[in-house]
Amino acid sequence: DAYVIPHFAGMEFAYTEIDAAYVWTHGGFQIARSHDD
């Protein structure tokens, strides 16, 4: 849902930094994140 909620804002955005890698690898790459953070 963390990747669904921004779509509700009705404003333009783009994923960047860690999430750019996460999106371009179709969720295949994660780094320095956990379920609690």
Full PDB file with SEQRES, HELIX, SHEET, SSBOND, CRYST1, ORIGX, SCALE, CONECT and MASTER records, all heavy atoms in Angstrom:
SEQRES   1 A   37  ASP ALA TYR VAL ILE PRO HIS PHE ALA GLY MET GLU PHE          
SEQRES   2 A   37  ALA TYR THR GLU ILE ASP ALA ALA TYR VAL TRP THR HIS          
SEQRES   3 A   37  GLY GLY PHE GLN ILE ALA ARG SER HIS ASP ASP                  
HELIX    1 AA1 ILE A    5  ALA A    9  5                                   5    
HELIX    2 AA2 ILE A   18  TRP A   24  1                                   7    
CRYST1    1.000    1.000    1.000  90.00  90.00  90.00 P 1           1          
ORIGX1      1.000000  0.000000  0.000000        0.00000                         
ORIGX2      0.000000  1.000000  0.000000        0.00000                         
ORIGX3      0.000000  0.000000  1.000000        0.00000                         
SCALE1      1.000000  0.000000  0.000000        0.00000                         
SCALE2      0.000000  1.000000  0.000000        0.00000                         
SCALE3      0.000000  0.000000  1.000000        0.00000                         
ATOM      1  N   ASP A   1       0.816  -1.211   0.000  1.00  0.00           N  
ATOM      2  CA  ASP A   1       0.000   0.000   0.000  1.00  0.00           C  
ATOM      3  C   ASP A   1       0.850   1.262   0.000  1.00  0.00           C  
ATOM      4  O   ASP A   1       0.375   2.333  -0.396  1.00  0.00           O  
ATOM      5  CB  ASP A   1      -0.946   0.007   1.205  1.00  0.00           C  
ATOM      6  CG  ASP A   1      -2.163  -0.885   0.991  1.00  0.00           C  
ATOM      7  OD1 ASP A   1      -2.475  -1.179  -0.176  1.00  0.00           O  
ATOM      8  OD2 ASP A   1      -2.792  -1.291   1.978  1.00  0.00           O  
ATOM      9  N   ALA A   2       2.085   1.156   0.433  1.00  0.00           N  
ATOM     10  CA  ALA A   2       2.979   2.317   0.407  1.00  0.00           C  
ATOM     11  C   ALA A   2       3.159   2.854  -1.009  1.00  0.00           C  
ATOM     12  O   ALA A   2       3.426   4.041  -1.208  1.00  0.00           O  
ATOM     13  CB  ALA A   2       4.343   1.951   1.001  1.00  0.00           C  
ATOM     14  N   TYR A   3       2.990   1.962  -2.004  1.00  0.00           N  
ATOM     15  CA  TYR A   3       3.138   2.366  -3.403  1.00  0.00           C  
ATOM     16  C   TYR A   3       1.791   2.653  -4.070  1.00  0.00           C  
ATOM     17  O   TYR A   3       1.751   3.040  -5.235  1.00  0.00           O  
ATOM     18  CB  TYR A   3       3.909   1.295  -4.176  1.00  0.00           C  
ATOM     19  CG  TYR A   3       5.316   1.157  -3.661  1.00  0.00           C  
ATOM     20  CD1 TYR A   3       5.637   0.193  -2.701  1.00  0.00           C  
ATOM     21  CD2 TYR A   3       6.316   2.026  -4.077  1.00  0.00           C  
ATOM     22  CE1 TYR A   3       6.918   0.092  -2.186  1.00  0.00           C  
ATOM     23  CE2 TYR A   3       7.604   1.931  -3.570  1.00  0.00           C  
ATOM     24  CZ  TYR A   3       7.893   0.968  -2.619  1.00  0.00           C  
ATOM     25  OH  TYR A   3       9.165   0.880  -2.101  1.00  0.00           O  
ATOM     26  N   VAL A   4       0.706   2.477  -3.340  1.00  0.00           N  
ATOM     27  CA  VAL A   4      -0.631   2.791  -3.843  1.00  0.00           C  
ATOM     28  C   VAL A   4      -1.055   4.179  -3.384  1.00  0.00           C  
ATOM     29  O   VAL A   4      -1.589   4.979  -4.163  1.00  0.00           O  
ATOM     30  CB  VAL A   4      -1.655   1.731  -3.370  1.00  0.00           C  
ATOM     31  CG1 VAL A   4      -3.070   2.141  -3.767  1.00  0.00           C  
ATOM     32  CG2 VAL A   4      -1.320   0.359  -3.951  1.00  0.00           C  
ATOM     33  N   ILE A   5      -0.814   4.487  -2.119  1.00  0.00           N  
ATOM     34  CA  ILE A   5      -1.310   5.722  -1.513  1.00  0.00           C  
ATOM     35  C   ILE A   5      -0.908   6.985  -2.279  1.00  0.00           C  
ATOM     36  O   ILE A   5      -1.752   7.874  -2.480  1.00  0.00           O  
ATOM     37  CB  ILE A   5      -0.875   5.791  -0.034  1.00  0.00           C  
ATOM     38  CG1 ILE A   5      -1.655   4.752   0.781  1.00  0.00           C  
ATOM     39  CG2 ILE A   5      -1.102   7.185   0.546  1.00  0.00           C  
ATOM     40  CD1 ILE A   5      -1.190   4.599   2.223  1.00  0.00           C  
ATOM     41  N   PRO A   6       0.348   7.144  -2.743  1.00  0.00           N  
ATOM     42  CA  PRO A   6       0.671   8.392  -3.457  1.00  0.00           C  
ATOM     43  C   PRO A   6      -0.196   8.652  -4.683  1.00  0.00           C  
ATOM     44  O   PRO A   6      -0.402   9.815  -5.063  1.00  0.00           O  
ATOM     45  CB  PRO A   6       2.142   8.188  -3.844  1.00  0.00           C  
ATOM     46  CG  PRO A   6       2.676   7.273  -2.800  1.00  0.00           C  
ATOM     47  CD  PRO A   6       1.550   6.315  -2.526  1.00  0.00           C  
ATOM     48  N   HIS A   7      -0.733   7.597  -5.281  1.00  0.00           N  
ATOM     49  CA  HIS A   7      -1.599   7.777  -6.442  1.00  0.00           C  
ATOM     50  C   HIS A   7      -2.918   8.467  -6.076  1.00  0.00           C  
ATOM     51  O   HIS A   7      -3.609   8.988  -6.950  1.00  0.00           O  
ATOM     52  CB  HIS A   7      -1.908   6.418  -7.087  1.00  0.00           C  
ATOM     53  CG  HIS A   7      -0.731   5.791  -7.775  1.00  0.00           C  
ATOM     54  ND1 HIS A   7      -0.160   6.317  -8.906  1.00  0.00           N  
ATOM     55  CD2 HIS A   7      -0.014   4.674  -7.478  1.00  0.00           C  
ATOM     56  CE1 HIS A   7       0.851   5.556  -9.287  1.00  0.00           C  
ATOM     57  NE2 HIS A   7       0.955   4.554  -8.437  1.00  0.00           N  
ATOM     58  N   PHE A   8      -3.269   8.460  -4.804  1.00  0.00           N  
ATOM     59  CA  PHE A   8      -4.518   9.080  -4.369  1.00  0.00           C  
ATOM     60  C   PHE A   8      -4.421  10.596  -4.272  1.00  0.00           C  
ATOM     61  O   PHE A   8      -5.435  11.281  -4.140  1.00  0.00           O  
ATOM     62  CB  PHE A   8      -4.946   8.547  -2.992  1.00  0.00           C  
ATOM     63  CG  PHE A   8      -5.203   7.075  -2.918  1.00  0.00           C  
ATOM     64  CD1 PHE A   8      -5.242   6.423  -1.690  1.00  0.00           C  
ATOM     65  CD2 PHE A   8      -5.409   6.318  -4.057  1.00  0.00           C  
ATOM     66  CE1 PHE A   8      -5.485   5.059  -1.609  1.00  0.00           C  
ATOM     67  CE2 PHE A   8      -5.642   4.947  -3.988  1.00  0.00           C  
ATOM     68  CZ  PHE A   8      -5.690   4.326  -2.755  1.00  0.00           C  
ATOM     69  N   ALA A   9      -3.214  11.130  -4.315  1.00  0.00           N  
ATOM     70  CA  ALA A   9      -3.022  12.556  -4.034  1.00  0.00           C  
ATOM     71  C   ALA A   9      -3.470  13.462  -5.173  1.00  0.00           C  
ATOM     72  O   ALA A   9      -3.758  14.643  -4.958  1.00  0.00           O  
ATOM     73  CB  ALA A   9      -1.553  12.828  -3.704  1.00  0.00           C  
ATOM     74  N   GLY A  10      -3.509  12.919  -6.380  1.00  0.00           N  
ATOM     75  CA  GLY A  10      -3.897  13.746  -7.520  1.00  0.00           C  
ATOM     76  C   GLY A  10      -2.821  14.741  -7.924  1.00  0.00           C  
ATOM     77  O   GLY A  10      -3.105  15.728  -8.606  1.00  0.00           O  
ATOM     78  N   MET A  11      -1.574  14.497  -7.507  1.00  0.00           N  
ATOM     79  CA  MET A  11      -0.449  15.366  -7.856  1.00  0.00           C  
ATOM     80  C   MET A  11       0.639  14.547  -8.532  1.00  0.00           C  
ATOM     81  O   MET A  11       0.796  13.362  -8.264  1.00  0.00           O  
ATOM     82  CB  MET A  11       0.108  16.047  -6.591  1.00  0.00           C  
ATOM     83  CG  MET A  11      -0.825  17.048  -5.952  1.00  0.00           C  
ATOM     84  SD  MET A  11      -0.173  17.771  -4.418  1.00  0.00           S  
ATOM     85  CE  MET A  11      -0.585  16.480  -3.210  1.00  0.00           C  
ATOM     86  N   GLU A  12       1.388  15.207  -9.382  1.00  0.00           N  
ATOM     87  CA  GLU A  12       2.450  14.522 -10.127  1.00  0.00           C  
ATOM     88  C   GLU A  12       3.602  14.170  -9.191  1.00  0.00           C  
ATOM     89  O   GLU A  12       3.978  14.955  -8.321  1.00  0.00           O  
ATOM     90  CB  GLU A  12       2.940  15.428 -11.250  1.00  0.00           C  
ATOM     91  CG  GLU A  12       3.876  14.749 -12.233  1.00  0.00           C  
ATOM     92  CD  GLU A  12       4.287  15.660 -13.370  1.00  0.00           C  
ATOM     93  OE1 GLU A  12       4.118  16.895 -13.241  1.00  0.00           O  
ATOM     94  OE2 GLU A  12       4.794  15.143 -14.379  1.00  0.00           O  
ATOM     95  N   PHE A  13       4.178  12.984  -9.392  1.00  0.00           N  
ATOM     96  CA  PHE A  13       5.336  12.550  -8.607  1.00  0.00           C  
ATOM     97  C   PHE A  13       6.083  11.482  -9.374  1.00  0.00           C  
ATOM     98  O   PHE A  13       5.598  10.954 -10.388  1.00  0.00           O  
ATOM     99  CB  PHE A  13       4.893  12.012  -7.230  1.00  0.00           C  
ATOM    100  CG  PHE A  13       4.199  10.670  -7.280  1.00  0.00           C  
ATOM    101  CD1 PHE A  13       4.904   9.496  -7.032  1.00  0.00           C  
ATOM    102  CD2 PHE A  13       2.846  10.566  -7.576  1.00  0.00           C  
ATOM    103  CE1 PHE A  13       4.279   8.262  -7.070  1.00  0.00           C  
ATOM    104  CE2 PHE A  13       2.212   9.328  -7.621  1.00  0.00           C  
ATOM    105  CZ  PHE A  13       2.926   8.177  -7.369  1.00  0.00           C  
ATOM    106  N   ALA A  14       7.265  11.147  -8.877  1.00  0.00           N  
ATOM    107  CA  ALA A  14       8.041  10.047  -9.465  1.00  0.00           C  
ATOM    108  C   ALA A  14       8.903   9.427  -8.377  1.00  0.00           C  
ATOM    109  O   ALA A  14       9.503  10.146  -7.564  1.00  0.00           O  
ATOM    110  CB  ALA A  14       8.916  10.537 -10.610  1.00  0.00           C  
ATOM    111  N   TYR A  15       8.976   8.113  -8.357  1.00  0.00           N  
ATOM    112  CA  TYR A  15       9.835   7.429  -7.390  1.00  0.00           C  
ATOM    113  C   TYR A  15      11.300   7.661  -7.749  1.00  0.00           C  
ATOM    114  O   TYR A  15      11.672   7.694  -8.928  1.00  0.00           O  
ATOM    115  CB  TYR A  15       9.517   5.937  -7.351  1.00  0.00           C  
ATOM    116  CG  TYR A  15       8.163   5.649  -6.759  1.00  0.00           C  
ATOM    117  CD1 TYR A  15       7.092   5.230  -7.558  1.00  0.00           C  
ATOM    118  CD2 TYR A  15       7.932   5.843  -5.407  1.00  0.00           C  
ATOM    119  CE1 TYR A  15       5.839   4.997  -7.015  1.00  0.00           C  
ATOM    120  CE2 TYR A  15       6.678   5.614  -4.853  1.00  0.00           C  
ATOM    121  CZ  TYR A  15       5.635   5.195  -5.663  1.00  0.00           C  
ATOM    122  OH  TYR A  15       4.392   4.984  -5.109  1.00  0.00           O  
ATOM    123  N   THR A  16      12.125   7.817  -6.714  1.00  0.00           N  
ATOM    124  CA  THR A  16      13.537   8.134  -6.914  1.00  0.00           C  
ATOM    125  C   THR A  16      14.378   7.418  -5.862  1.00  0.00           C  
ATOM    126  O   THR A  16      13.844   6.684  -5.036  1.00  0.00           O  
ATOM    127  CB  THR A  16      13.750   9.659  -6.851  1.00  0.00           C  
ATOM    128  OG1 THR A  16      15.102   9.971  -7.204  1.00  0.00           O  
ATOM    129  CG2 THR A  16      13.464  10.212  -5.457  1.00  0.00           C  
ATOM    130  N   GLU A  17      15.703   7.620  -5.919  1.00  0.00           N  
ATOM    131  CA  GLU A  17      16.631   7.036  -4.955  1.00  0.00           C  
ATOM    132  C   GLU A  17      16.448   5.505  -4.839  1.00  0.00           C  
ATOM    133  O   GLU A  17      16.387   4.835  -5.841  1.00  0.00           O  
ATOM    134  CB  GLU A  17      16.475   7.735  -3.590  1.00  0.00           C  
ATOM    135  CG  GLU A  17      16.717   9.236  -3.627  1.00  0.00           C  
ATOM    136  CD  GLU A  17      18.169   9.603  -3.854  1.00  0.00           C  
ATOM    137  OE1 GLU A  17      19.056   8.812  -3.460  1.00  0.00           O  
ATOM    138  OE2 GLU A  17      18.433  10.689  -4.408  1.00  0.00           O  
ATOM    139  N   ILE A  18      16.329   4.979  -3.628  1.00  0.00           N  
ATOM    140  CA  ILE A  18      16.166   3.533  -3.444  1.00  0.00           C  
ATOM    141  C   ILE A  18      14.969   3.018  -4.232  1.00  0.00           C  
ATOM    142  O   ILE A  18      14.999   1.934  -4.813  1.00  0.00           O  
ATOM    143  CB  ILE A  18      15.998   3.181  -1.955  1.00  0.00           C  
ATOM    144  CG1 ILE A  18      17.270   3.501  -1.164  1.00  0.00           C  
ATOM    145  CG2 ILE A  18      15.648   1.697  -1.774  1.00  0.00           C  
ATOM    146  CD1 ILE A  18      17.110   3.332   0.335  1.00  0.00           C  
ATOM    147  N   ASP A  19      13.902   3.819  -4.264  1.00  0.00           N  
ATOM    148  CA  ASP A  19      12.686   3.350  -4.921  1.00  0.00           C  
ATOM    149  C   ASP A  19      12.790   3.352  -6.439  1.00  0.00           C  
ATOM    150  O   ASP A  19      12.057   2.608  -7.105  1.00  0.00           O  
ATOM    151  CB  ASP A  19      11.487   4.169  -4.456  1.00  0.00           C  
ATOM    152  CG  ASP A  19      11.048   3.733  -3.072  1.00  0.00           C  
ATOM    153  OD1 ASP A  19      10.719   2.548  -2.915  1.00  0.00           O  
ATOM    154  OD2 ASP A  19      11.065   4.552  -2.138  1.00  0.00           O  
ATOM    155  N   ALA A  20      13.666   4.165  -7.002  1.00  0.00           N  
ATOM    156  CA  ALA A  20      13.898   4.066  -8.439  1.00  0.00           C  
ATOM    157  C   ALA A  20      14.488   2.699  -8.774  1.00  0.00           C  
ATOM    158  O   ALA A  20      14.055   2.029  -9.721  1.00  0.00           O  
ATOM    159  CB  ALA A  20      14.827   5.187  -8.905  1.00  0.00           C  
ATOM    160  N   ALA A  21      15.467   2.272  -7.976  1.00  0.00           N  
ATOM    161  CA  ALA A  21      16.045   0.939  -8.174  1.00  0.00           C  
ATOM    162  C   ALA A  21      15.005  -0.142  -7.923  1.00  0.00           C  
ATOM    163  O   ALA A  21      14.924  -1.140  -8.653  1.00  0.00           O  
ATOM    164  CB  ALA A  21      17.245   0.750  -7.248  1.00  0.00           C  
ATOM    165  N   TYR A  22      14.185   0.052  -6.893  1.00  0.00           N  
ATOM    166  CA  TYR A  22      13.153  -0.930  -6.546  1.00  0.00           C  
ATOM    167  C   TYR A  22      12.138  -1.087  -7.682  1.00  0.00           C  
ATOM    168  O   TYR A  22      11.772  -2.205  -8.059  1.00  0.00           O  
ATOM    169  CB  TYR A  22      12.450  -0.471  -5.267  1.00  0.00           C  
ATOM    170  CG  TYR A  22      11.331  -1.365  -4.792  1.00  0.00           C  
ATOM    171  CD1 TYR A  22      11.588  -2.570  -4.156  1.00  0.00           C  
ATOM    172  CD2 TYR A  22       9.998  -0.992  -4.971  1.00  0.00           C  
ATOM    173  CE1 TYR A  22      10.571  -3.390  -3.715  1.00  0.00           C  
ATOM    174  CE2 TYR A  22       8.961  -1.809  -4.530  1.00  0.00           C  
ATOM    175  CZ  TYR A  22       9.256  -3.002  -3.906  1.00  0.00           C  
ATOM    176  OH  TYR A  22       8.228  -3.807  -3.469  1.00  0.00           O  
ATOM    177  N   VAL A  23      11.703   0.033  -8.256  1.00  0.00           N  
ATOM    178  CA  VAL A  23      10.692  -0.027  -9.325  1.00  0.00           C  
ATOM    179  C   VAL A  23      11.274  -0.593 -10.613  1.00  0.00           C  
ATOM    180  O   VAL A  23      10.677  -1.467 -11.256  1.00  0.00           O  
ATOM    181  CB  VAL A  23      10.076   1.373  -9.566  1.00  0.00           C  
ATOM    182  CG1 VAL A  23       9.185   1.363 -10.814  1.00  0.00           C  
ATOM    183  CG2 VAL A  23       9.258   1.814  -8.352  1.00  0.00           C  
ATOM    184  N   TRP A  24      12.461  -0.101 -11.012  1.00  0.00           N  
ATOM    185  CA  TRP A  24      13.050  -0.576 -12.269  1.00  0.00           C  
ATOM    186  C   TRP A  24      13.429  -2.057 -12.216  1.00  0.00           C  
ATOM    187  O   TRP A  24      13.489  -2.718 -13.259  1.00  0.00           O  
ATOM    188  CB  TRP A  24      14.269   0.261 -12.642  1.00  0.00           C  
ATOM    189  CG  TRP A  24      13.912   1.554 -13.325  1.00  0.00           C  
ATOM    190  CD1 TRP A  24      14.004   2.814 -12.814  1.00  0.00           C  
ATOM    191  CD2 TRP A  24      13.405   1.700 -14.654  1.00  0.00           C  
ATOM    192  NE1 TRP A  24      13.573   3.750 -13.730  1.00  0.00           N  
ATOM    193  CE2 TRP A  24      13.202   3.094 -14.879  1.00  0.00           C  
ATOM    194  CE3 TRP A  24      13.089   0.809 -15.675  1.00  0.00           C  
ATOM    195  CZ2 TRP A  24      12.708   3.599 -16.078  1.00  0.00           C  
ATOM    196  CZ3 TRP A  24      12.591   1.313 -16.876  1.00  0.00           C  
ATOM    197  CH2 TRP A  24      12.413   2.689 -17.073  1.00  0.00           C  
ATOM    198  N   THR A  25      13.668  -2.590 -11.005  1.00  0.00           N  
ATOM    199  CA  THR A  25      13.964  -4.030 -10.886  1.00  0.00           C  
ATOM    200  C   THR A  25      12.708  -4.818 -10.533  1.00  0.00           C  
ATOM    201  O   THR A  25      12.798  -5.977 -10.136  1.00  0.00           O  
ATOM    202  CB  THR A  25      15.055  -4.292  -9.828  1.00  0.00           C  
ATOM    203  OG1 THR A  25      14.601  -3.817  -8.552  1.00  0.00           O  
ATOM    204  CG2 THR A  25      16.357  -3.610 -10.203  1.00  0.00           C  
ATOM    205  N   HIS A  26      11.538  -4.184 -10.684  1.00  0.00           N  
ATOM    206  CA  HIS A  26      10.244  -4.838 -10.414  1.00  0.00           C  
ATOM    207  C   HIS A  26      10.179  -5.419  -9.004  1.00  0.00           C  
ATOM    208  O   HIS A  26       9.658  -6.516  -8.784  1.00  0.00           O  
ATOM    209  CB  HIS A  26       9.976  -5.949 -11.445  1.00  0.00           C  
ATOM    210  CG  HIS A  26      10.220  -5.538 -12.866  1.00  0.00           C  
ATOM    211  ND1 HIS A  26       9.416  -4.640 -13.533  1.00  0.00           N  
ATOM    212  CD2 HIS A  26      11.215  -5.876 -13.737  1.00  0.00           C  
ATOM    213  CE1 HIS A  26       9.881  -4.455 -14.765  1.00  0.00           C  
ATOM    214  NE2 HIS A  26      10.971  -5.190 -14.909  1.00  0.00           N  
ATOM    215  N   GLY A  27      10.719  -4.663  -8.059  1.00  0.00           N  
ATOM    216  CA  GLY A  27      10.705  -5.119  -6.673  1.00  0.00           C  
ATOM    217  C   GLY A  27      11.785  -6.129  -6.350  1.00  0.00           C  
ATOM    218  O   GLY A  27      11.797  -6.709  -5.260  1.00  0.00           O  
ATOM    219  N   GLY A  28      12.726  -6.315  -7.264  1.00  0.00           N  
ATOM    220  CA  GLY A  28      13.761  -7.329  -7.066  1.00  0.00           C  
ATOM    221  C   GLY A  28      14.940  -6.866  -6.242  1.00  0.00           C  
ATOM    222  O   GLY A  28      15.805  -7.673  -5.891  1.00  0.00           O  
ATOM    223  N   PHE A  29      14.981  -5.561  -5.921  1.00  0.00           N  
ATOM    224  CA  PHE A  29      16.123  -5.045  -5.162  1.00  0.00           C  
ATOM    225  C   PHE A  29      15.640  -4.200  -3.994  1.00  0.00           C  
ATOM    226  O   PHE A  29      14.838  -3.278  -4.163  1.00  0.00           O  
ATOM    227  CB  PHE A  29      17.028  -4.191  -6.056  1.00  0.00           C  
ATOM    228  CG  PHE A  29      18.176  -3.558  -5.312  1.00  0.00           C  
ATOM    229  CD1 PHE A  29      19.305  -4.282  -4.990  1.00  0.00           C  
ATOM    230  CD2 PHE A  29      18.114  -2.228  -4.915  1.00  0.00           C  
ATOM    231  CE1 PHE A  29      20.368  -3.708  -4.298  1.00  0.00           C  
ATOM    232  CE2 PHE A  29      19.161  -1.641  -4.231  1.00  0.00           C  
ATOM    233  CZ  PHE A  29      20.289  -2.386  -3.921  1.00  0.00           C  
ATOM    234  N   GLN A  30      16.104  -4.527  -2.814  1.00  0.00           N  
ATOM    235  CA  GLN A  30      15.842  -3.746  -1.610  1.00  0.00           C  
ATOM    236  C   GLN A  30      17.157  -3.513  -0.887  1.00  0.00           C  
ATOM    237  O   GLN A  30      18.053  -4.367  -0.910  1.00  0.00           O  
ATOM    238  CB  GLN A  30      14.889  -4.493  -0.662  1.00  0.00           C  
ATOM    239  CG  GLN A  30      13.421  -4.386  -1.044  1.00  0.00           C  
ATOM    240  CD  GLN A  30      12.822  -3.042  -0.663  1.00  0.00           C  
ATOM    241  OE1 GLN A  30      13.516  -2.042  -0.558  1.00  0.00           O  
ATOM    242  NE2 GLN A  30      11.525  -3.015  -0.461  1.00  0.00           N  
ATOM    243  N   ILE A  31      17.256  -2.372  -0.225  1.00  0.00           N  
ATOM    244  CA  ILE A  31      18.451  -2.086   0.562  1.00  0.00           C  
ATOM    245  C   ILE A  31      18.091  -1.104   1.674  1.00  0.00           C  
ATOM    246  O   ILE A  31      17.289  -0.188   1.479  1.00  0.00           O  
ATOM    247  CB  ILE A  31      19.569  -1.486  -0.327  1.00  0.00           C  
ATOM    248  CG1 ILE A  31      20.870  -1.324   0.472  1.00  0.00           C  
ATOM    249  CG2 ILE A  31      19.151  -0.162  -0.935  1.00  0.00           C  
ATOM    250  CD1 ILE A  31      22.055  -0.895  -0.362  1.00  0.00           C  
ATOM    251  N   ALA A  32      18.650  -1.355   2.834  1.00  0.00           N  
ATOM    252  CA  ALA A  32      18.577  -0.410   3.966  1.00  0.00           C  
ATOM    253  C   ALA A  32      17.148  -0.074   4.364  1.00  0.00           C  
ATOM    254  O   ALA A  32      16.852   1.041   4.778  1.00  0.00           O  
ATOM    255  CB  ALA A  32      19.354   0.869   3.631  1.00  0.00           C  
ATOM    256  N   ARG A  33      16.242  -1.051   4.249  1.00  0.00           N  
ATOM    257  CA  ARG A  33      14.865  -0.848   4.703  1.00  0.00           C  
ATOM    258  C   ARG A  33      14.382  -2.114   5.389  1.00  0.00           C  
ATOM    259  O   ARG A  33      14.860  -3.207   5.118  1.00  0.00           O  
ATOM    260  CB  ARG A  33      13.924  -0.507   3.538  1.00  0.00           C  
ATOM    261  CG  ARG A  33      14.192   0.832   2.912  1.00  0.00           C  
ATOM    262  CD  ARG A  33      13.055   1.311   2.045  1.00  0.00           C  
ATOM    263  NE  ARG A  33      12.968   0.632   0.766  1.00  0.00           N  
ATOM    264  CZ  ARG A  33      12.391   1.150  -0.317  1.00  0.00           C  
ATOM    265  NH1 ARG A  33      11.850   2.348  -0.243  1.00  0.00           N  
ATOM    266  NH2 ARG A  33      12.328   0.480  -1.441  1.00  0.00           N  
ATOM    267  N   SER A  34      13.402  -1.929   6.276  1.00  0.00           N  
ATOM    268  CA  SER A  34      12.801  -3.069   6.960  1.00  0.00           C  
ATOM    269  C   SER A  34      11.311  -2.794   7.119  1.00  0.00           C  
ATOM    270  O   SER A  34      10.827  -1.693   6.842  1.00  0.00           O  
ATOM    271  CB  SER A  34      13.438  -3.270   8.340  1.00  0.00           C  
ATOM    272  OG  SER A  34      13.108  -2.175   9.199  1.00  0.00           O  
ATOM    273  N   HIS A  35      10.570  -3.795   7.569  1.00  0.00           N  
ATOM    274  CA  HIS A  35       9.129  -3.615   7.774  1.00  0.00           C  
ATOM    275  C   HIS A  35       8.844  -2.565   8.841  1.00  0.00           C  
ATOM    276  O   HIS A  35       7.802  -1.907   8.813  1.00  0.00           O  
ATOM    277  CB  HIS A  35       8.486  -4.948   8.160  1.00  0.00           C  
ATOM    278  CG  HIS A  35       8.452  -5.946   7.031  1.00  0.00           C  
ATOM    279  ND1 HIS A  35       7.707  -5.747   5.887  1.00  0.00           N  
ATOM    280  CD2 HIS A  35       9.086  -7.131   6.858  1.00  0.00           C  
ATOM    281  CE1 HIS A  35       7.873  -6.766   5.068  1.00  0.00           C  
ATOM    282  NE2 HIS A  35       8.706  -7.632   5.632  1.00  0.00           N  
ATOM    283  N   ASP A  36       9.763  -2.391   9.770  1.00  0.00           N  
ATOM    284  CA  ASP A  36       9.562  -1.412  10.848  1.00  0.00           C  
ATOM    285  C   ASP A  36      10.056  -0.020  10.482  1.00  0.00           C  
ATOM    286  O   ASP A  36       9.730   0.948  11.165  1.00  0.00           O  
ATOM    287  CB  ASP A  36      10.280  -1.891  12.119  1.00  0.00           C  
ATOM    288  CG  ASP A  36       9.703  -3.186  12.661  1.00  0.00           C  
ATOM    289  OD1 ASP A  36       8.494  -3.412  12.491  1.00  0.00           O  
ATOM    290  OD2 ASP A  36      10.470  -3.978  13.242  1.00  0.00           O  
ATOM    291  N   ASP A  37      10.846   0.076   9.439  1.00  0.00           N  
ATOM    292  CA  ASP A  37      11.410   1.360   9.014  1.00  0.00           C  
ATOM    293  C   ASP A  37      11.441   1.370   7.497  1.00  0.00           C  
ATOM    294  O   ASP A  37      12.410   0.942   6.873  1.00  0.00           O  
ATOM    295  CB  ASP A  37      12.819   1.538   9.601  1.00  0.00           C  
ATOM    296  CG  ASP A  37      13.474   2.829   9.137  1.00  0.00           C  
ATOM    297  OD1 ASP A  37      12.745   3.775   8.780  1.00  0.00           O  
ATOM    298  OD2 ASP A  37      14.725   2.893   9.139  1.00  0.00           O  
TER     299      ASP A  37                                                      
MASTER        0    0    0    2    0    0    0    6  298    1    0    3          
END                                                                             
